[in-house]
Amino acid sequence: MADHTEYLPDVKTYHAEVDEAAVKGIVKHCGIALAKRDSSLVSASDKSELDRVRDSFLKKKLGLTAPDAELDAAVKEVADTMKADRSKSRVTFYYLLAKKYDRLADFH
């Protein structure tokens, strides 16, 4: 499994007060997906990828029940926040979504 400390600098780029335990939990949640470069990144230009983030992470993992349009807006907001970064780390992307919904403690 990936070492969560390698993701801390990227998360700190977007949130100075990083919850290290939450990063560790997100890395554990992502598991094998982090082993390959392609699956360790979120492609913000791929609608099916963003739908997967909405359905698998926001709905399934976080248990959010908001309408798809609202969840899609949150995913787009994070993608826009990270737009300067061509390689959007899945860990950072998920961290920012969990932070937005005040759900970082779910990963402790």
PDB file of N, CA and C in Angstrom:
ATOM      1  N   MET A   1       0.845  -1.196   0.000  1.00  0.00           N
ATOM      2  CA  MET A   1       0.000   0.000   0.000  1.00  0.00           C
ATOM      3  C   MET A   1       0.882   1.247   0.000  1.00  0.00           C
ATOM      4  N   ALA A   2       0.400   2.283  -0.628  1.00  0.00           N
ATOM      5  CA  ALA A   2       1.137   3.542  -0.723  1.00  0.00           C
ATOM      6  C   ALA A   2       1.289   4.179   0.659  1.00  0.00           C
ATOM      7  N   ASP A   3       2.385   4.889   0.819  1.00  0.00           N
ATOM      8  CA  ASP A   3       2.643   5.604   2.064  1.00  0.00           C
ATOM      9  C   ASP A   3       1.908   6.944   1.998  1.00  0.00           C
ATOM     10  N   HIS A   4       1.050   7.182   2.975  1.00  0.00           N
ATOM     11  CA  HIS A   4       0.233   8.393   2.941  1.00  0.00           C
ATOM     12  C   HIS A   4       1.063   9.676   2.972  1.00  0.00           C
ATOM     13  N   THR A   5       2.271   9.630   3.512  1.00  0.00           N
ATOM     14  CA  THR A   5       3.076  10.851   3.627  1.00  0.00           C
ATOM     15  C   THR A   5       3.485  11.409   2.265  1.00  0.00           C
ATOM     16  N   GLU A   6       3.517  10.556   1.237  1.00  0.00           N
ATOM     17  CA  GLU A   6       3.875  11.079  -0.084  1.00  0.00           C
ATOM     18  C   GLU A   6       2.770  11.954  -0.674  1.00  0.00           C
ATOM     19  N   TYR A   7       1.553  11.877  -0.127  1.00  0.00           N
ATOM     20  CA  TYR A   7       0.424  12.676  -0.626  1.00  0.00           C
ATOM     21  C   TYR A   7       0.245  13.982   0.141  1.00  0.00           C
ATOM     22  N   LEU A   8       0.882  14.104   1.300  1.00  0.00           N
ATOM     23  CA  LEU A   8       0.692  15.290   2.142  1.00  0.00           C
ATOM     24  C   LEU A   8       1.093  16.600   1.449  1.00  0.00           C
ATOM     25  N   PRO A   9       2.234  16.678   0.754  1.00  0.00           N
ATOM     26  CA  PRO A   9       2.584  17.955   0.110  1.00  0.00           C
ATOM     27  C   PRO A   9       1.539  18.413  -0.906  1.00  0.00           C
ATOM     28  N   ASP A  10       0.976  17.486  -1.678  1.00  0.00           N
ATOM     29  CA  ASP A  10      -0.029  17.871  -2.664  1.00  0.00           C
ATOM     30  C   ASP A  10      -1.302  18.364  -1.982  1.00  0.00           C
ATOM     31  N   VAL A  11      -1.738  17.689  -0.940  1.00  0.00           N
ATOM     32  CA  VAL A  11      -2.934  18.123  -0.215  1.00  0.00           C
ATOM     33  C   VAL A  11      -2.683  19.504   0.391  1.00  0.00           C
ATOM     34  N   LYS A  12      -1.478  19.726   0.928  1.00  0.00           N
ATOM     35  CA  LYS A  12      -1.141  21.021   1.537  1.00  0.00           C
ATOM     36  C   LYS A  12      -1.182  22.168   0.532  1.00  0.00           C
ATOM     37  N   THR A  13      -1.019  21.847  -0.748  1.00  0.00           N
ATOM     38  CA  THR A  13      -1.121  22.866  -1.793  1.00  0.00           C
ATOM     39  C   THR A  13      -2.503  23.513  -1.775  1.00  0.00           C
ATOM     40  N   TYR A  14      -3.507  22.740  -1.407  1.00  0.00           N
ATOM     41  CA  TYR A  14      -4.899  23.209  -1.443  1.00  0.00           C
ATOM     42  C   TYR A  14      -5.505  23.455  -0.065  1.00  0.00           C
ATOM     43  N   HIS A  15      -4.881  22.894   0.971  1.00  0.00           N
ATOM     44  CA  HIS A  15      -5.411  23.053   2.327  1.00  0.00           C
ATOM     45  C   HIS A  15      -4.246  22.992   3.302  1.00  0.00           C
ATOM     46  N   ALA A  16      -3.853  24.149   3.823  1.00  0.00           N
ATOM     47  CA  ALA A  16      -2.649  24.240   4.657  1.00  0.00           C
ATOM     48  C   ALA A  16      -2.719  23.395   5.924  1.00  0.00           C
ATOM     49  N   GLU A  17      -3.881  23.326   6.537  1.00  0.00           N
ATOM     50  CA  GLU A  17      -4.049  22.582   7.794  1.00  0.00           C
ATOM     51  C   GLU A  17      -4.507  21.158   7.487  1.00  0.00           C
ATOM     52  N   VAL A  18      -3.593  20.336   6.997  1.00  0.00           N
ATOM     53  CA  VAL A  18      -3.940  18.989   6.554  1.00  0.00           C
ATOM     54  C   VAL A  18      -4.240  18.078   7.735  1.00  0.00           C
ATOM     55  N   ASP A  19      -5.329  17.344   7.620  1.00  0.00           N
ATOM     56  CA  ASP A  19      -5.696  16.308   8.589  1.00  0.00           C
ATOM     57  C   ASP A  19      -4.989  15.031   8.139  1.00  0.00           C
ATOM     58  N   GLU A  20      -3.830  14.769   8.732  1.00  0.00           N
ATOM     59  CA  GLU A  20      -3.000  13.644   8.292  1.00  0.00           C
ATOM     60  C   GLU A  20      -3.705  12.306   8.453  1.00  0.00           C
ATOM     61  N   ALA A  21      -4.480  12.146   9.513  1.00  0.00           N
ATOM     62  CA  ALA A  21      -5.214  10.895   9.717  1.00  0.00           C
ATOM     63  C   ALA A  21      -6.229  10.678   8.591  1.00  0.00           C
ATOM     64  N   ALA A  22      -6.854  11.757   8.129  1.00  0.00           N
ATOM     65  CA  ALA A  22      -7.815  11.645   7.034  1.00  0.00           C
ATOM     66  C   ALA A  22      -7.100  11.255   5.739  1.00  0.00           C
ATOM     67  N   VAL A  23      -5.935  11.839   5.488  1.00  0.00           N
ATOM     68  CA  VAL A  23      -5.167  11.473   4.289  1.00  0.00           C
ATOM     69  C   VAL A  23      -4.820   9.987   4.347  1.00  0.00           C
ATOM     70  N   LYS A  24      -4.385   9.535   5.506  1.00  0.00           N
ATOM     71  CA  LYS A  24      -4.034   8.116   5.674  1.00  0.00           C
ATOM     72  C   LYS A  24      -5.254   7.229   5.393  1.00  0.00           C
ATOM     73  N   GLY A  25      -6.414   7.629   5.876  1.00  0.00           N
ATOM     74  CA  GLY A  25      -7.639   6.870   5.644  1.00  0.00           C
ATOM     75  C   GLY A  25      -8.064   6.872   4.188  1.00  0.00           C
ATOM     76  N   ILE A  26      -7.886   7.996   3.512  1.00  0.00           N
ATOM     77  CA  ILE A  26      -8.239   8.082   2.093  1.00  0.00           C
ATOM     78  C   ILE A  26      -7.295   7.204   1.274  1.00  0.00           C
ATOM     79  N   VAL A  27      -6.022   7.214   1.616  1.00  0.00           N
ATOM     80  CA  VAL A  27      -5.055   6.349   0.923  1.00  0.00           C
ATOM     81  C   VAL A  27      -5.458   4.889   1.111  1.00  0.00           C
ATOM     82  N   LYS A  28      -5.847   4.541   2.323  1.00  0.00           N
ATOM     83  CA  LYS A  28      -6.291   3.161   2.583  1.00  0.00           C
ATOM     84  C   LYS A  28      -7.546   2.845   1.770  1.00  0.00           C
ATOM     85  N   HIS A  29      -8.496   3.780   1.720  1.00  0.00           N
ATOM     86  CA  HIS A  29      -9.719   3.585   0.941  1.00  0.00           C
ATOM     87  C   HIS A  29      -9.398   3.368  -0.542  1.00  0.00           C
ATOM     88  N   CYS A  30      -8.497   4.157  -1.082  1.00  0.00           N
ATOM     89  CA  CYS A  30      -8.146   4.046  -2.505  1.00  0.00           C
ATOM     90  C   CYS A  30      -7.403   2.753  -2.800  1.00  0.00           C
ATOM     91  N   GLY A  31      -6.633   2.291  -1.857  1.00  0.00           N
ATOM     92  CA  GLY A  31      -5.939   1.012  -1.967  1.00  0.00           C
ATOM     93  C   GLY A  31      -5.183   0.811  -3.259  1.00  0.00           C
ATOM     94  N   ILE A  32      -5.515  -0.270  -3.936  1.00  0.00           N
ATOM     95  CA  ILE A  32      -4.794  -0.691  -5.145  1.00  0.00           C
ATOM     96  C   ILE A  32      -4.888   0.319  -6.285  1.00  0.00           C
ATOM     97  N   ALA A  33      -5.890   1.172  -6.262  1.00  0.00           N
ATOM     98  CA  ALA A  33      -6.028   2.179  -7.323  1.00  0.00           C
ATOM     99  C   ALA A  33      -4.819   3.103  -7.372  1.00  0.00           C
ATOM    100  N   LEU A  34      -4.115   3.239  -6.254  1.00  0.00           N
ATOM    101  CA  LEU A  34      -2.962   4.131  -6.217  1.00  0.00           C
ATOM    102  C   LEU A  34      -1.700   3.479  -6.770  1.00  0.00           C
ATOM    103  N   ALA A  35      -1.758   2.186  -7.044  1.00  0.00           N
ATOM    104  CA  ALA A  35      -0.579   1.462  -7.534  1.00  0.00           C
ATOM    105  C   ALA A  35      -0.214   1.846  -8.964  1.00  0.00           C
ATOM    106  N   LYS A  36      -1.198   2.221  -9.754  1.00  0.00           N
ATOM    107  CA  LYS A  36      -0.947   2.594 -11.148  1.00  0.00           C
ATOM    108  C   LYS A  36      -1.184   4.084 -11.328  1.00  0.00           C
ATOM    109  N   ARG A  37      -0.311   4.709 -12.061  1.00  0.00           N
ATOM    110  CA  ARG A  37      -0.396   6.161 -12.247  1.00  0.00           C
ATOM    111  C   ARG A  37      -1.762   6.589 -12.790  1.00  0.00           C
ATOM    112  N   ASP A  38      -2.257   5.906 -13.801  1.00  0.00           N
ATOM    113  CA  ASP A  38      -3.515   6.300 -14.423  1.00  0.00           C
ATOM    114  C   ASP A  38      -4.678   6.281 -13.428  1.00  0.00           C
ATOM    115  N   SER A  39      -4.777   5.238 -12.638  1.00  0.00           N
ATOM    116  CA  SER A  39      -5.896   5.140 -11.695  1.00  0.00           C
ATOM    117  C   SER A  39      -5.668   5.968 -10.425  1.00  0.00           C
ATOM    118  N   SER A  40      -4.444   6.458 -10.225  1.00  0.00           N
ATOM    119  CA  SER A  40      -4.175   7.287  -9.050  1.00  0.00           C
ATOM    120  C   SER A  40      -4.531   8.746  -9.300  1.00  0.00           C
ATOM    121  N   LEU A  41      -4.922   9.042 -10.539  1.00  0.00           N
ATOM    122  CA  LEU A  41      -5.277  10.411 -10.916  1.00  0.00           C
ATOM    123  C   LEU A  41      -6.746  10.499 -11.304  1.00  0.00           C
ATOM    124  N   VAL A  42      -7.315  11.681 -11.149  1.00  0.00           N
ATOM    125  CA  VAL A  42      -8.688  11.941 -11.578  1.00  0.00           C
ATOM    126  C   VAL A  42      -8.621  12.758 -12.860  1.00  0.00           C
ATOM    127  N   SER A  43      -9.276  12.258 -13.892  1.00  0.00           N
ATOM    128  CA  SER A  43      -9.336  12.977 -15.155  1.00  0.00           C
ATOM    129  C   SER A  43     -10.577  13.870 -15.146  1.00  0.00           C
ATOM    130  N   ALA A  44     -10.357  15.158 -14.915  1.00  0.00           N
ATOM    131  CA  ALA A  44     -11.474  16.094 -14.807  1.00  0.00           C
ATOM    132  C   ALA A  44     -12.155  16.357 -16.148  1.00  0.00           C
ATOM    133  N   SER A  45     -11.532  15.949 -17.240  1.00  0.00           N
ATOM    134  CA  SER A  45     -12.144  16.157 -18.554  1.00  0.00           C
ATOM    135  C   SER A  45     -12.963  14.953 -19.017  1.00  0.00           C
ATOM    136  N   ASP A  46     -12.989  13.908 -18.217  1.00  0.00           N
ATOM    137  CA  ASP A  46     -13.700  12.671 -18.566  1.00  0.00           C
ATOM    138  C   ASP A  46     -14.987  12.572 -17.749  1.00  0.00           C
ATOM    139  N   LYS A  47     -16.130  12.786 -18.409  1.00  0.00           N
ATOM    140  CA  LYS A  47     -17.411  12.776 -17.699  1.00  0.00           C
ATOM    141  C   LYS A  47     -17.657  11.460 -16.963  1.00  0.00           C
ATOM    142  N   SER A  48     -17.298  10.338 -17.575  1.00  0.00           N
ATOM    143  CA  SER A  48     -17.534   9.047 -16.909  1.00  0.00           C
ATOM    144  C   SER A  48     -16.686   8.927 -15.638  1.00  0.00           C
ATOM    145  N   GLU A  49     -15.490   9.514 -15.657  1.00  0.00           N
ATOM    146  CA  GLU A  49     -14.638   9.514 -14.470  1.00  0.00           C
ATOM    147  C   GLU A  49     -15.277  10.360 -13.360  1.00  0.00           C
ATOM    148  N   LEU A  50     -15.783  11.516 -13.728  1.00  0.00           N
ATOM    149  CA  LEU A  50     -16.412  12.393 -12.732  1.00  0.00           C
ATOM    150  C   LEU A  50     -17.703  11.768 -12.198  1.00  0.00           C
ATOM    151  N   ASP A  51     -18.435  11.073 -13.053  1.00  0.00           N
ATOM    152  CA  ASP A  51     -19.632  10.350 -12.602  1.00  0.00           C
ATOM    153  C   ASP A  51     -19.245   9.257 -11.612  1.00  0.00           C
ATOM    154  N   ARG A  52     -18.119   8.598 -11.875  1.00  0.00           N
ATOM    155  CA  ARG A  52     -17.635   7.536 -10.990  1.00  0.00           C
ATOM    156  C   ARG A  52     -17.251   8.116  -9.618  1.00  0.00           C
ATOM    157  N   VAL A  53     -16.616   9.285  -9.620  1.00  0.00           N
ATOM    158  CA  VAL A  53     -16.270   9.952  -8.354  1.00  0.00           C
ATOM    159  C   VAL A  53     -17.554  10.251  -7.583  1.00  0.00           C
ATOM    160  N   ARG A  54     -18.541  10.791  -8.289  1.00  0.00           N
ATOM    161  CA  ARG A  54     -19.826  11.106  -7.650  1.00  0.00           C
ATOM    162  C   ARG A  54     -20.478   9.852  -7.069  1.00  0.00           C
ATOM    163  N   ASP A  55     -20.583   8.810  -7.896  1.00  0.00           N
ATOM    164  CA  ASP A  55     -21.312   7.610  -7.476  1.00  0.00           C
ATOM    165  C   ASP A  55     -20.546   6.758  -6.473  1.00  0.00           C
ATOM    166  N   SER A  56     -19.265   6.541  -6.721  1.00  0.00           N
ATOM    167  CA  SER A  56     -18.493   5.641  -5.864  1.00  0.00           C
ATOM    168  C   SER A  56     -17.993   6.312  -4.590  1.00  0.00           C
ATOM    169  N   PHE A  57     -17.580   7.566  -4.703  1.00  0.00           N
ATOM    170  CA  PHE A  57     -17.034   8.221  -3.516  1.00  0.00           C
ATOM    171  C   PHE A  57     -18.092   8.989  -2.739  1.00  0.00           C
ATOM    172  N   LEU A  58     -18.752   9.926  -3.402  1.00  0.00           N
ATOM    173  CA  LEU A  58     -19.711  10.763  -2.674  1.00  0.00           C
ATOM    174  C   LEU A  58     -20.934   9.984  -2.202  1.00  0.00           C
ATOM    175  N   LYS A  59     -21.508   9.193  -3.086  1.00  0.00           N
ATOM    176  CA  LYS A  59     -22.735   8.467  -2.712  1.00  0.00           C
ATOM    177  C   LYS A  59     -22.439   7.209  -1.903  1.00  0.00           C
ATOM    178  N   LYS A  60     -21.541   6.381  -2.426  1.00  0.00           N
ATOM    179  CA  LYS A  60     -21.309   5.083  -1.798  1.00  0.00           C
ATOM    180  C   LYS A  60     -20.449   5.204  -0.540  1.00  0.00           C
ATOM    181  N   LYS A  61     -19.292   5.845  -0.641  1.00  0.00           N
ATOM    182  CA  LYS A  61     -18.386   5.924   0.501  1.00  0.00           C
ATOM    183  C   LYS A  61     -18.874   6.913   1.553  1.00  0.00           C
ATOM    184  N   LEU A  62     -19.246   8.119   1.122  1.00  0.00           N
ATOM    185  CA  LEU A  62     -19.676   9.128   2.093  1.00  0.00           C
ATOM    186  C   LEU A  62     -21.168   9.031   2.419  1.00  0.00           C
ATOM    187  N   GLY A  63     -21.907   8.291   1.620  1.00  0.00           N
ATOM    188  CA  GLY A  63     -23.329   8.111   1.889  1.00  0.00           C
ATOM    189  C   GLY A  63     -24.170   9.347   1.649  1.00  0.00           C
ATOM    190  N   LEU A  64     -23.717  10.229   0.775  1.00  0.00           N
ATOM    191  CA  LEU A  64     -24.468  11.457   0.515  1.00  0.00           C
ATOM    192  C   LEU A  64     -25.694  11.147  -0.342  1.00  0.00           C
ATOM    193  N   THR A  65     -26.774  11.844  -0.047  1.00  0.00           N
ATOM    194  CA  THR A  65     -28.034  11.588  -0.744  1.00  0.00           C
ATOM    195  C   THR A  65     -28.532  12.817  -1.503  1.00  0.00           C
ATOM    196  N   ALA A  66     -27.690  13.819  -1.637  1.00  0.00           N
ATOM    197  CA  ALA A  66     -28.072  15.031  -2.372  1.00  0.00           C
ATOM    198  C   ALA A  66     -28.324  14.670  -3.838  1.00  0.00           C
ATOM    199  N   PRO A  67     -29.103  15.493  -4.529  1.00  0.00           N
ATOM    200  CA  PRO A  67     -29.351  15.240  -5.958  1.00  0.00           C
ATOM    201  C   PRO A  67     -28.037  15.227  -6.751  1.00  0.00           C
ATOM    202  N   ASP A  68     -28.040  14.455  -7.836  1.00  0.00           N
ATOM    203  CA  ASP A  68     -26.845  14.351  -8.672  1.00  0.00           C
ATOM    204  C   ASP A  68     -26.321  15.712  -9.101  1.00  0.00           C
ATOM    205  N   ALA A  69     -27.206  16.624  -9.444  1.00  0.00           N
ATOM    206  CA  ALA A  69     -26.775  17.952  -9.906  1.00  0.00           C
ATOM    207  C   ALA A  69     -25.950  18.665  -8.829  1.00  0.00           C
ATOM    208  N   GLU A  70     -26.360  18.529  -7.577  1.00  0.00           N
ATOM    209  CA  GLU A  70     -25.629  19.168  -6.476  1.00  0.00           C
ATOM    210  C   GLU A  70     -24.266  18.494  -6.273  1.00  0.00           C
ATOM    211  N   LEU A  71     -24.246  17.167  -6.340  1.00  0.00           N
ATOM    212  CA  LEU A  71     -22.986  16.440  -6.175  1.00  0.00           C
ATOM    213  C   LEU A  71     -22.054  16.711  -7.356  1.00  0.00           C
ATOM    214  N   ASP A  72     -22.616  16.780  -8.556  1.00  0.00           N
ATOM    215  CA  ASP A  72     -21.818  17.105  -9.739  1.00  0.00           C
ATOM    216  C   ASP A  72     -21.190  18.493  -9.605  1.00  0.00           C
ATOM    217  N   ALA A  73     -21.937  19.427  -9.036  1.00  0.00           N
ATOM    218  CA  ALA A  73     -21.417  20.781  -8.832  1.00  0.00           C
ATOM    219  C   ALA A  73     -20.240  20.763  -7.862  1.00  0.00           C
ATOM    220  N   ALA A  74     -20.315  19.931  -6.831  1.00  0.00           N
ATOM    221  CA  ALA A  74     -19.214  19.816  -5.870  1.00  0.00           C
ATOM    222  C   ALA A  74     -17.975  19.221  -6.532  1.00  0.00           C
ATOM    223  N   VAL A  75     -18.183  18.206  -7.357  1.00  0.00           N
ATOM    224  CA  VAL A  75     -17.062  17.585  -8.081  1.00  0.00           C
ATOM    225  C   VAL A  75     -16.434  18.611  -9.027  1.00  0.00           C
ATOM    226  N   LYS A  76     -17.267  19.381  -9.726  1.00  0.00           N
ATOM    227  CA  LYS A  76     -16.763  20.412 -10.642  1.00  0.00           C
ATOM    228  C   LYS A  76     -16.010  21.493  -9.867  1.00  0.00           C
ATOM    229  N   GLU A  77     -16.509  21.843  -8.699  1.00  0.00           N
ATOM    230  CA  GLU A  77     -15.855  22.856  -7.875  1.00  0.00           C
ATOM    231  C   GLU A  77     -14.440  22.407  -7.494  1.00  0.00           C
ATOM    232  N   VAL A  78     -14.298  21.151  -7.094  1.00  0.00           N
ATOM    233  CA  VAL A  78     -12.968  20.630  -6.742  1.00  0.00           C
ATOM    234  C   VAL A  78     -12.087  20.571  -7.987  1.00  0.00           C
ATOM    235  N   ALA A  79     -12.648  20.135  -9.106  1.00  0.00           N
ATOM    236  CA  ALA A  79     -11.879  20.100 -10.357  1.00  0.00           C
ATOM    237  C   ALA A  79     -11.394  21.498 -10.732  1.00  0.00           C
ATOM    238  N   ASP A  80     -12.256  22.499 -10.551  1.00  0.00           N
ATOM    239  CA  ASP A  80     -11.872  23.881 -10.840  1.00  0.00           C
ATOM    240  C   ASP A  80     -10.785  24.367  -9.882  1.00  0.00           C
ATOM    241  N   THR A  81     -10.888  23.977  -8.617  1.00  0.00           N
ATOM    242  CA  THR A  81      -9.878  24.344  -7.622  1.00  0.00           C
ATOM    243  C   THR A  81      -8.515  23.799  -8.027  1.00  0.00           C
ATOM    244  N   MET A  82      -8.526  22.588  -8.591  1.00  0.00           N
ATOM    245  CA  MET A  82      -7.275  21.915  -8.956  1.00  0.00           C
ATOM    246  C   MET A  82      -6.905  22.112 -10.433  1.00  0.00           C
ATOM    247  N   LYS A  83      -7.576  23.019 -11.127  1.00  0.00           N
ATOM    248  CA  LYS A  83      -7.411  23.126 -12.584  1.00  0.00           C
ATOM    249  C   LYS A  83      -5.978  23.417 -13.021  1.00  0.00           C
ATOM    250  N   ALA A  84      -5.192  24.083 -12.202  1.00  0.00           N
ATOM    251  CA  ALA A  84      -3.809  24.385 -12.575  1.00  0.00           C
ATOM    252  C   ALA A  84      -2.921  23.140 -12.554  1.00  0.00           C
ATOM    253  N   ASP A  85      -3.392  22.104 -11.907  1.00  0.00           N
ATOM    254  CA  ASP A  85      -2.632  20.864 -11.771  1.00  0.00           C
ATOM    255  C   ASP A  85      -3.081  19.873 -12.838  1.00  0.00           C
ATOM    256  N   ARG A  86      -2.239  19.600 -13.809  1.00  0.00           N
ATOM    257  CA  ARG A  86      -2.611  18.676 -14.889  1.00  0.00           C
ATOM    258  C   ARG A  86      -2.832  17.262 -14.363  1.00  0.00           C
ATOM    259  N   SER A  87      -2.059  16.881 -13.349  1.00  0.00           N
ATOM    260  CA  SER A  87      -2.175  15.544 -12.759  1.00  0.00           C
ATOM    261  C   SER A  87      -2.884  15.666 -11.414  1.00  0.00           C
ATOM    262  N   LYS A  88      -4.185  15.498 -11.438  1.00  0.00           N
ATOM    263  CA  LYS A  88      -4.987  15.669 -10.224  1.00  0.00           C
ATOM    264  C   LYS A  88      -4.962  14.384  -9.400  1.00  0.00           C
ATOM    265  N   SER A  89      -4.266  14.435  -8.284  1.00  0.00           N
ATOM    266  CA  SER A  89      -4.147  13.282  -7.404  1.00  0.00           C
ATOM    267  C   SER A  89      -5.526  12.863  -6.886  1.00  0.00           C
ATOM    268  N   ARG A  90      -5.827  11.581  -6.998  1.00  0.00           N
ATOM    269  CA  ARG A  90      -7.099  11.054  -6.497  1.00  0.00           C
ATOM    270  C   ARG A  90      -7.224  11.298  -4.994  1.00  0.00           C
ATOM    271  N   VAL A  91      -6.127  11.140  -4.270  1.00  0.00           N
ATOM    272  CA  VAL A  91      -6.150  11.351  -2.815  1.00  0.00           C
ATOM    273  C   VAL A  91      -6.518  12.799  -2.497  1.00  0.00           C
ATOM    274  N   THR A  92      -5.884  13.737  -3.166  1.00  0.00           N
ATOM    275  CA  THR A  92      -6.179  15.154  -2.931  1.00  0.00           C
ATOM    276  C   THR A  92      -7.605  15.487  -3.348  1.00  0.00           C
ATOM    277  N   PHE A  93      -8.029  14.974  -4.480  1.00  0.00           N
ATOM    278  CA  PHE A  93      -9.388  15.215  -4.983  1.00  0.00           C
ATOM    279  C   PHE A  93     -10.407  14.737  -3.954  1.00  0.00           C
ATOM    280  N   TYR A  94     -10.249  13.510  -3.466  1.00  0.00           N
ATOM    281  CA  TYR A  94     -11.167  12.951  -2.473  1.00  0.00           C
ATOM    282  C   TYR A  94     -11.090  13.714  -1.156  1.00  0.00           C
ATOM    283  N   TYR A  95      -9.889  14.122  -0.766  1.00  0.00           N
ATOM    284  CA  TYR A  95      -9.713  14.894   0.470  1.00  0.00           C
ATOM    285  C   TYR A  95     -10.527  16.186   0.389  1.00  0.00           C
ATOM    286  N   LEU A  96     -10.400  16.898  -0.722  1.00  0.00           N
ATOM    287  CA  LEU A  96     -11.115  18.174  -0.866  1.00  0.00           C
ATOM    288  C   LEU A  96     -12.631  17.975  -0.876  1.00  0.00           C
ATOM    289  N   LEU A  97     -13.092  16.886  -1.484  1.00  0.00           N
ATOM    290  CA  LEU A  97     -14.533  16.593  -1.455  1.00  0.00           C
ATOM    291  C   LEU A  97     -14.993  16.265  -0.030  1.00  0.00           C
ATOM    292  N   ALA A  98     -14.225  15.438   0.659  1.00  0.00           N
ATOM    293  CA  ALA A  98     -14.589  15.074   2.038  1.00  0.00           C
ATOM    294  C   ALA A  98     -14.573  16.315   2.932  1.00  0.00           C
ATOM    295  N   LYS A  99     -13.607  17.198   2.727  1.00  0.00           N
ATOM    296  CA  LYS A  99     -13.530  18.441   3.504  1.00  0.00           C
ATOM    297  C   LYS A  99     -14.749  19.311   3.225  1.00  0.00           C
ATOM    298  N   LYS A 100     -15.117  19.418   1.959  1.00  0.00           N
ATOM    299  CA  LYS A 100     -16.277  20.241   1.584  1.00  0.00           C
ATOM    300  C   LYS A 100     -17.530  19.795   2.331  1.00  0.00           C
ATOM    301  N   TYR A 101     -17.695  18.499   2.483  1.00  0.00           N
ATOM    302  CA  TYR A 101     -18.885  17.962   3.155  1.00  0.00           C
ATOM    303  C   TYR A 101     -18.644  17.681   4.643  1.00  0.00           C
ATOM    304  N   ASP A 102     -17.539  18.223   5.169  1.00  0.00           N
ATOM    305  CA  ASP A 102     -17.202  18.059   6.592  1.00  0.00           C
ATOM    306  C   ASP A 102     -17.200  16.577   6.991  1.00  0.00           C
ATOM    307  N   ARG A 103     -16.579  15.753   6.159  1.00  0.00           N
ATOM    308  CA  ARG A 103     -16.570  14.303   6.388  1.00  0.00           C
ATOM    309  C   ARG A 103     -15.164  13.740   6.518  1.00  0.00           C
ATOM    310  N   LEU A 104     -14.164  14.574   6.788  1.00  0.00           N
ATOM    311  CA  LEU A 104     -12.794  14.073   6.941  1.00  0.00           C
ATOM    312  C   LEU A 104     -12.686  13.075   8.083  1.00  0.00           C
ATOM    313  N   ALA A 105     -13.482  13.275   9.142  1.00  0.00           N
ATOM    314  CA  ALA A 105     -13.425  12.365  10.293  1.00  0.00           C
ATOM    315  C   ALA A 105     -13.847  10.946   9.925  1.00  0.00           C
ATOM    316  N   ASP A 106     -14.574  10.772   8.824  1.00  0.00           N
ATOM    317  CA  ASP A 106     -14.960   9.430   8.371  1.00  0.00           C
ATOM    318  C   ASP A 106     -13.747   8.573   8.044  1.00  0.00           C
ATOM    319  N   PHE A 107     -12.609   9.190   7.825  1.00  0.00           N
ATOM    320  CA  PHE A 107     -11.406   8.457   7.408  1.00  0.00           C
ATOM    321  C   PHE A 107     -10.402   8.275   8.538  1.00  0.00           C
ATOM    322  N   HIS A 108     -10.764   8.629   9.746  1.00  0.00           N
ATOM    323  CA  HIS A 108      -9.854   8.464  10.894  1.00  0.00           C
ATOM    324  C   HIS A 108      -9.845   7.030  11.346  1.00  0.00           C
TER     325      HIS A 108
END
